[in-house]
N, C-alpha and C. Protein backbone atom coordinates (compact mmCIF):
# COMPACT_ATOMS: atom_id res chain seq x y z
N MET A 1 -16.85 -17.51 4.75
CA MET A 1 -15.70 -17.22 3.90
C MET A 1 -15.46 -18.38 2.95
N SER A 2 -15.22 -18.03 1.73
CA SER A 2 -14.92 -19.04 0.71
C SER A 2 -13.45 -19.42 0.76
N PHE A 3 -13.19 -20.73 0.63
CA PHE A 3 -11.81 -21.21 0.58
C PHE A 3 -11.44 -21.63 -0.83
N ASP A 4 -12.31 -21.33 -1.80
CA ASP A 4 -12.08 -21.73 -3.19
C ASP A 4 -11.37 -20.65 -4.00
N ALA A 5 -11.13 -19.51 -3.42
CA ALA A 5 -10.55 -18.38 -4.13
C ALA A 5 -9.11 -18.68 -4.55
N LYS A 6 -8.69 -18.06 -5.63
CA LYS A 6 -7.31 -18.14 -6.07
C LYS A 6 -6.55 -16.98 -5.43
N PRO A 7 -5.24 -17.15 -5.22
CA PRO A 7 -4.46 -16.05 -4.64
C PRO A 7 -4.52 -14.80 -5.52
N LEU A 8 -4.64 -13.67 -4.87
CA LEU A 8 -4.63 -12.38 -5.55
C LEU A 8 -3.31 -11.67 -5.28
N PHE A 9 -2.92 -10.83 -6.20
CA PHE A 9 -1.80 -9.92 -5.99
C PHE A 9 -2.44 -8.62 -5.49
N ILE A 10 -2.30 -8.35 -4.21
CA ILE A 10 -3.02 -7.25 -3.59
C ILE A 10 -2.05 -6.12 -3.22
N TYR A 11 -2.32 -4.95 -3.77
CA TYR A 11 -1.54 -3.74 -3.52
C TYR A 11 -2.11 -3.07 -2.27
N VAL A 12 -1.27 -2.78 -1.30
CA VAL A 12 -1.71 -2.15 -0.05
C VAL A 12 -1.56 -0.63 -0.18
N ALA A 13 -2.69 0.08 -0.20
CA ALA A 13 -2.69 1.54 -0.38
C ALA A 13 -3.11 2.23 0.91
N GLY A 14 -2.29 3.17 1.35
CA GLY A 14 -2.64 3.91 2.55
C GLY A 14 -1.68 5.05 2.77
N PRO A 15 -1.95 5.87 3.76
CA PRO A 15 -1.08 7.02 4.04
C PRO A 15 0.36 6.59 4.32
N TYR A 16 1.29 7.37 3.83
CA TYR A 16 2.70 7.20 4.18
C TYR A 16 3.26 8.52 4.68
N LYS A 17 3.23 9.51 3.80
CA LYS A 17 3.88 10.79 4.07
C LYS A 17 3.12 11.58 5.13
N PRO A 18 3.80 11.90 6.22
CA PRO A 18 3.16 12.66 7.29
C PRO A 18 2.89 14.11 6.88
N ILE A 19 1.82 14.64 7.40
CA ILE A 19 1.51 16.05 7.18
C ILE A 19 1.81 16.76 8.50
N THR A 20 3.05 17.22 8.61
CA THR A 20 3.47 17.90 9.84
C THR A 20 4.69 18.77 9.53
N ASP A 21 4.88 19.79 10.33
CA ASP A 21 6.06 20.64 10.20
C ASP A 21 7.18 20.18 11.12
N ASP A 22 6.89 19.23 11.99
CA ASP A 22 7.87 18.73 12.94
C ASP A 22 8.65 17.57 12.31
N ILE A 23 9.91 17.81 11.97
CA ILE A 23 10.72 16.80 11.28
C ILE A 23 10.84 15.51 12.09
N HIS A 24 10.90 15.62 13.40
CA HIS A 24 11.02 14.42 14.25
C HIS A 24 9.70 13.66 14.29
N ASP A 25 8.60 14.37 14.35
CA ASP A 25 7.29 13.72 14.34
C ASP A 25 7.03 13.09 12.98
N ALA A 26 7.53 13.70 11.91
CA ALA A 26 7.35 13.16 10.57
C ALA A 26 7.94 11.75 10.46
N ALA A 27 9.14 11.57 10.99
CA ALA A 27 9.78 10.25 10.94
C ALA A 27 8.96 9.22 11.72
N ARG A 28 8.45 9.62 12.88
CA ARG A 28 7.65 8.70 13.70
C ARG A 28 6.36 8.31 12.98
N ILE A 29 5.69 9.29 12.37
CA ILE A 29 4.43 9.02 11.67
C ILE A 29 4.67 8.14 10.45
N ALA A 30 5.73 8.43 9.69
CA ALA A 30 6.05 7.60 8.52
C ALA A 30 6.30 6.16 8.96
N HIS A 31 7.00 6.00 10.07
CA HIS A 31 7.25 4.65 10.60
C HIS A 31 5.94 3.97 11.00
N GLN A 32 5.06 4.68 11.68
CA GLN A 32 3.77 4.10 12.09
C GLN A 32 2.94 3.70 10.87
N ASN A 33 2.92 4.56 9.85
CA ASN A 33 2.17 4.24 8.64
C ASN A 33 2.75 3.03 7.93
N THR A 34 4.07 2.94 7.89
CA THR A 34 4.74 1.80 7.27
C THR A 34 4.42 0.53 8.05
N ARG A 35 4.51 0.62 9.35
CA ARG A 35 4.22 -0.55 10.20
C ARG A 35 2.78 -1.04 10.00
N LYS A 36 1.83 -0.12 9.93
CA LYS A 36 0.42 -0.51 9.72
C LYS A 36 0.26 -1.23 8.39
N ALA A 37 0.90 -0.70 7.33
CA ALA A 37 0.80 -1.34 6.01
C ALA A 37 1.43 -2.73 6.04
N ILE A 38 2.55 -2.89 6.75
CA ILE A 38 3.19 -4.19 6.86
C ILE A 38 2.28 -5.18 7.58
N LEU A 39 1.65 -4.75 8.67
CA LEU A 39 0.75 -5.64 9.40
C LEU A 39 -0.42 -6.08 8.53
N ILE A 40 -0.96 -5.17 7.75
CA ILE A 40 -2.06 -5.53 6.84
C ILE A 40 -1.54 -6.47 5.75
N GLY A 41 -0.37 -6.16 5.19
CA GLY A 41 0.23 -7.04 4.19
C GLY A 41 0.44 -8.44 4.73
N ASN A 42 0.93 -8.54 5.97
CA ASN A 42 1.13 -9.86 6.59
C ASN A 42 -0.20 -10.60 6.75
N ALA A 43 -1.25 -9.88 7.12
CA ALA A 43 -2.57 -10.50 7.26
C ALA A 43 -3.09 -11.00 5.91
N LEU A 44 -2.82 -10.25 4.86
CA LEU A 44 -3.22 -10.69 3.51
C LEU A 44 -2.46 -11.95 3.11
N ILE A 45 -1.18 -11.98 3.43
CA ILE A 45 -0.36 -13.17 3.14
C ILE A 45 -0.88 -14.37 3.93
N GLU A 46 -1.23 -14.15 5.19
CA GLU A 46 -1.78 -15.24 6.01
C GLU A 46 -3.09 -15.78 5.44
N ARG A 47 -3.79 -14.95 4.67
CA ARG A 47 -5.03 -15.38 4.02
C ARG A 47 -4.74 -16.07 2.69
N GLY A 48 -3.46 -16.15 2.31
CA GLY A 48 -3.08 -16.89 1.11
C GLY A 48 -2.81 -16.05 -0.12
N HIS A 49 -2.71 -14.73 0.05
CA HIS A 49 -2.51 -13.84 -1.09
C HIS A 49 -1.08 -13.32 -1.14
N TYR A 50 -0.75 -12.63 -2.21
CA TYR A 50 0.55 -12.00 -2.39
C TYR A 50 0.37 -10.50 -2.20
N ALA A 51 0.92 -9.96 -1.14
CA ALA A 51 0.76 -8.55 -0.83
C ALA A 51 1.95 -7.75 -1.35
N PHE A 52 1.64 -6.63 -2.01
CA PHE A 52 2.68 -5.67 -2.38
C PHE A 52 2.51 -4.47 -1.47
N ILE A 53 3.56 -4.14 -0.72
CA ILE A 53 3.49 -3.08 0.28
C ILE A 53 4.40 -1.93 -0.15
N PRO A 54 3.86 -0.92 -0.83
CA PRO A 54 4.70 0.18 -1.32
C PRO A 54 5.36 0.98 -0.19
N HIS A 55 4.82 0.88 0.99
CA HIS A 55 5.39 1.59 2.14
C HIS A 55 6.81 1.13 2.46
N LEU A 56 7.18 -0.03 1.96
CA LEU A 56 8.53 -0.53 2.21
C LEU A 56 9.59 0.34 1.53
N THR A 57 9.17 1.21 0.61
CA THR A 57 10.12 2.17 0.06
C THR A 57 10.58 3.16 1.13
N HIS A 58 9.92 3.14 2.27
CA HIS A 58 10.34 3.94 3.42
C HIS A 58 11.84 3.71 3.68
N TYR A 59 12.25 2.47 3.56
CA TYR A 59 13.65 2.13 3.83
C TYR A 59 14.56 2.59 2.69
N MET A 60 14.03 2.69 1.50
CA MET A 60 14.79 3.27 0.39
C MET A 60 15.01 4.76 0.65
N HIS A 61 13.97 5.43 1.13
CA HIS A 61 14.10 6.86 1.44
C HIS A 61 15.21 7.10 2.46
N LEU A 62 15.27 6.24 3.46
CA LEU A 62 16.26 6.40 4.52
C LEU A 62 17.69 6.21 4.03
N GLU A 63 17.85 5.42 2.95
CA GLU A 63 19.18 5.10 2.46
C GLU A 63 19.62 5.93 1.25
N MET A 64 18.79 6.86 0.79
CA MET A 64 19.16 7.67 -0.37
C MET A 64 20.38 8.53 -0.03
N VAL A 65 21.39 8.43 -0.87
CA VAL A 65 22.63 9.17 -0.64
C VAL A 65 22.48 10.60 -1.15
N SER A 66 21.95 10.73 -2.34
CA SER A 66 21.74 12.08 -2.87
C SER A 66 20.37 12.58 -2.44
N LYS A 67 19.99 13.69 -2.95
CA LYS A 67 18.71 14.29 -2.58
C LYS A 67 17.55 13.35 -2.92
N SER A 68 16.51 13.39 -2.12
CA SER A 68 15.37 12.49 -2.33
C SER A 68 14.63 12.85 -3.61
N LEU A 69 13.93 11.87 -4.13
CA LEU A 69 13.15 12.05 -5.35
C LEU A 69 11.83 12.75 -5.01
N PRO A 70 11.27 13.50 -5.96
CA PRO A 70 10.01 14.20 -5.68
C PRO A 70 8.84 13.24 -5.55
N SER A 71 7.80 13.69 -4.87
CA SER A 71 6.60 12.87 -4.67
C SER A 71 6.03 12.35 -5.99
N GLU A 72 6.09 13.17 -7.03
CA GLU A 72 5.54 12.77 -8.33
C GLU A 72 6.20 11.50 -8.84
N PHE A 73 7.51 11.35 -8.60
CA PHE A 73 8.19 10.11 -9.01
C PHE A 73 7.57 8.92 -8.30
N TRP A 74 7.35 9.05 -6.98
CA TRP A 74 6.84 7.93 -6.20
C TRP A 74 5.40 7.59 -6.58
N TYR A 75 4.59 8.58 -6.94
CA TYR A 75 3.23 8.29 -7.40
C TYR A 75 3.28 7.46 -8.68
N LYS A 76 4.15 7.82 -9.61
CA LYS A 76 4.29 7.05 -10.85
C LYS A 76 4.85 5.66 -10.57
N TYR A 77 5.84 5.60 -9.71
CA TYR A 77 6.46 4.33 -9.32
C TYR A 77 5.40 3.38 -8.75
N ASP A 78 4.58 3.92 -7.85
CA ASP A 78 3.55 3.10 -7.22
C ASP A 78 2.50 2.61 -8.22
N ILE A 79 2.09 3.46 -9.13
CA ILE A 79 1.11 3.05 -10.14
C ILE A 79 1.70 1.96 -11.04
N ALA A 80 2.98 2.04 -11.34
CA ALA A 80 3.62 1.00 -12.15
C ALA A 80 3.51 -0.36 -11.46
N TRP A 81 3.66 -0.39 -10.14
CA TRP A 81 3.50 -1.64 -9.39
C TRP A 81 2.04 -2.03 -9.24
N LEU A 82 1.17 -1.06 -9.03
CA LEU A 82 -0.26 -1.34 -8.92
C LEU A 82 -0.77 -2.01 -10.20
N ALA A 83 -0.23 -1.61 -11.34
CA ALA A 83 -0.65 -2.18 -12.63
C ALA A 83 -0.34 -3.68 -12.72
N LYS A 84 0.56 -4.17 -11.88
CA LYS A 84 0.91 -5.60 -11.86
C LYS A 84 -0.03 -6.41 -10.96
N CYS A 85 -0.87 -5.70 -10.20
CA CYS A 85 -1.74 -6.36 -9.23
C CYS A 85 -3.15 -6.51 -9.78
N ASN A 86 -3.94 -7.38 -9.15
CA ASN A 86 -5.33 -7.52 -9.56
C ASN A 86 -6.30 -7.15 -8.44
N ALA A 87 -5.77 -6.59 -7.36
CA ALA A 87 -6.63 -6.12 -6.27
C ALA A 87 -5.90 -5.02 -5.49
N LEU A 88 -6.67 -4.23 -4.77
CA LEU A 88 -6.13 -3.16 -3.95
C LEU A 88 -6.79 -3.23 -2.58
N TYR A 89 -5.98 -3.09 -1.55
CA TYR A 89 -6.50 -2.97 -0.19
C TYR A 89 -6.30 -1.51 0.23
N TYR A 90 -7.40 -0.81 0.47
CA TYR A 90 -7.37 0.61 0.79
C TYR A 90 -7.45 0.79 2.30
N ILE A 91 -6.36 1.30 2.89
CA ILE A 91 -6.30 1.49 4.34
C ILE A 91 -7.05 2.75 4.75
N ALA A 92 -6.66 3.88 4.16
CA ALA A 92 -7.25 5.16 4.55
C ALA A 92 -6.86 6.23 3.54
N LYS A 93 -7.53 7.34 3.65
CA LYS A 93 -7.35 8.47 2.74
C LYS A 93 -5.95 9.08 2.85
N SER A 94 -5.38 9.35 1.68
CA SER A 94 -4.17 10.15 1.54
C SER A 94 -4.08 10.52 0.06
N LYS A 95 -3.25 11.48 -0.27
CA LYS A 95 -3.15 11.87 -1.68
C LYS A 95 -2.76 10.68 -2.54
N GLY A 96 -1.71 9.96 -2.15
CA GLY A 96 -1.25 8.83 -2.94
C GLY A 96 -2.24 7.68 -2.96
N ALA A 97 -2.80 7.32 -1.80
CA ALA A 97 -3.75 6.22 -1.73
C ALA A 97 -5.00 6.52 -2.55
N ASP A 98 -5.41 7.79 -2.57
CA ASP A 98 -6.59 8.16 -3.36
C ASP A 98 -6.30 8.10 -4.85
N ILE A 99 -5.09 8.45 -5.27
CA ILE A 99 -4.69 8.30 -6.67
C ILE A 99 -4.74 6.82 -7.04
N GLU A 100 -4.21 5.98 -6.17
CA GLU A 100 -4.19 4.53 -6.41
C GLU A 100 -5.60 3.95 -6.44
N LEU A 101 -6.47 4.40 -5.56
CA LEU A 101 -7.84 3.93 -5.53
C LEU A 101 -8.56 4.30 -6.82
N ARG A 102 -8.40 5.53 -7.28
CA ARG A 102 -9.03 5.94 -8.55
C ARG A 102 -8.52 5.08 -9.71
N TRP A 103 -7.21 4.83 -9.74
CA TRP A 103 -6.63 4.01 -10.81
C TRP A 103 -7.19 2.59 -10.75
N ALA A 104 -7.27 2.04 -9.55
CA ALA A 104 -7.79 0.68 -9.39
C ALA A 104 -9.25 0.59 -9.84
N ARG A 105 -10.05 1.58 -9.50
CA ARG A 105 -11.46 1.58 -9.94
C ARG A 105 -11.55 1.69 -11.46
N LYS A 106 -10.76 2.58 -12.03
CA LYS A 106 -10.78 2.78 -13.47
C LYS A 106 -10.40 1.49 -14.22
N HIS A 107 -9.49 0.71 -13.64
CA HIS A 107 -9.01 -0.51 -14.27
C HIS A 107 -9.69 -1.76 -13.71
N MET A 108 -10.79 -1.55 -12.97
CA MET A 108 -11.67 -2.61 -12.48
C MET A 108 -10.95 -3.67 -11.65
N LEU A 109 -10.04 -3.23 -10.80
CA LEU A 109 -9.41 -4.14 -9.84
C LEU A 109 -10.38 -4.39 -8.70
N LYS A 110 -10.26 -5.53 -8.08
CA LYS A 110 -11.04 -5.83 -6.88
C LYS A 110 -10.52 -4.91 -5.77
N ILE A 111 -11.42 -4.31 -5.01
CA ILE A 111 -11.02 -3.36 -3.96
C ILE A 111 -11.55 -3.85 -2.62
N PHE A 112 -10.64 -3.87 -1.63
CA PHE A 112 -10.99 -4.27 -0.27
C PHE A 112 -10.75 -3.09 0.67
N HIS A 113 -11.61 -2.98 1.68
CA HIS A 113 -11.46 -1.94 2.71
C HIS A 113 -11.27 -2.55 4.10
N HIS A 114 -11.61 -3.83 4.25
CA HIS A 114 -11.53 -4.51 5.54
C HIS A 114 -11.02 -5.93 5.32
N LEU A 115 -10.27 -6.43 6.27
CA LEU A 115 -9.71 -7.78 6.13
C LEU A 115 -10.79 -8.84 6.00
N ASP A 116 -11.93 -8.66 6.66
CA ASP A 116 -12.97 -9.68 6.57
C ASP A 116 -13.60 -9.76 5.19
N GLU A 117 -13.32 -8.81 4.31
CA GLU A 117 -13.79 -8.86 2.92
C GLU A 117 -12.88 -9.73 2.04
N VAL A 118 -11.67 -9.97 2.50
CA VAL A 118 -10.67 -10.67 1.70
C VAL A 118 -10.85 -12.17 1.88
N PRO A 119 -11.12 -12.88 0.79
CA PRO A 119 -11.32 -14.34 0.92
C PRO A 119 -10.03 -15.04 1.32
N ARG A 120 -10.20 -16.14 2.02
CA ARG A 120 -9.04 -16.98 2.36
C ARG A 120 -8.79 -17.94 1.20
N VAL A 121 -7.54 -18.23 0.97
CA VAL A 121 -7.17 -19.17 -0.08
C VAL A 121 -6.61 -20.40 0.59
N LYS A 122 -7.04 -21.55 0.13
CA LYS A 122 -6.59 -22.81 0.70
C LYS A 122 -5.14 -23.05 0.41
């Protein structure tokens, strides 16, 4: 591993929205997906990078007073933040994560799939 790398702004892309008809299971799965993204974000930070974890909007969803915003809003919202980053960490397939992965490839961002691919920064 190289220790000469500069810190990257790394967007964490992965599943959030559960695919289930069980409203109680949906909350549990969303929480698990958010927790996984946080753990990966923390590992990226420990390697010396700046992680952006869009899954943290999970807590915004929980606090919305009026009706929730449509998925299309969140896809645009996430791309706006991805545009500020210079790398993407892809956790796993999902509609949103795949949109983000395509955008990152199109804009030639560095893409990581495993933590051991991410250089450590001194």
